[in-house]
Structures are given as C-alpha cells and as structure tokens.
C-alpha cells in the first residue's frame, strides 16, 4: 500500500506522468524494486546503466578543483548551506526527454 501511495503522490505533484506503453514505445525498460525507508516512505530503485544511460547526452564541462574553490571562499565571513533533497525532481523535461524519464 505504501508503494501505491508514494506513486500516487508523485503523479499528483506532477513529478511522474502515467503513460500507456502500447501507445508510446519505451526503449529503456528496466526492472525496478522498491525499498521501504525507516520513516515509511518508499524509494524506487533501478539500475539504468545498461538501458536509460544509452539515451542520455552527458554535457562536457570542467568542474573546478577543490583547491580553486577553497581559494575563492577563503576570507569569507558568511556561508550558506543548501538542502538539495529531491532537487533533480525540479528540473523540467522537454517532450523528447519525457519518454526517457
């Protein structure tokens, strides 16, 4: 029951969208499983390395080195902490990407 409730909540929030596989081809099909967390919520897990990752374009960008970041913040007096929990759910997908999500 917890799994159904979690998926219903994600659909209600617009994070998940129901599709009919017979209408839209799903090329990335991957077996998933659910884990009930200590707080009773559900985590849906899957290994998409051999399926979905083949369709994802990875942008090439250089990340700064840790030493360079530390040099930039050295001497700072105020810092912020951000909680990015589920932040990936806030990134909108275009129609081409939705079939992969």
Foldseek 3Di string as FASTA:
>chain_A
DLVVVQVVVCVVVVLDDDDDCVVPPQFQDWDWDWDQDPVRHIDIDTDRPPGLVVVDDDDDDDDDDPVVVCVVCPPPDDDDDDDCVVVVSVDDDDPVCNSSD
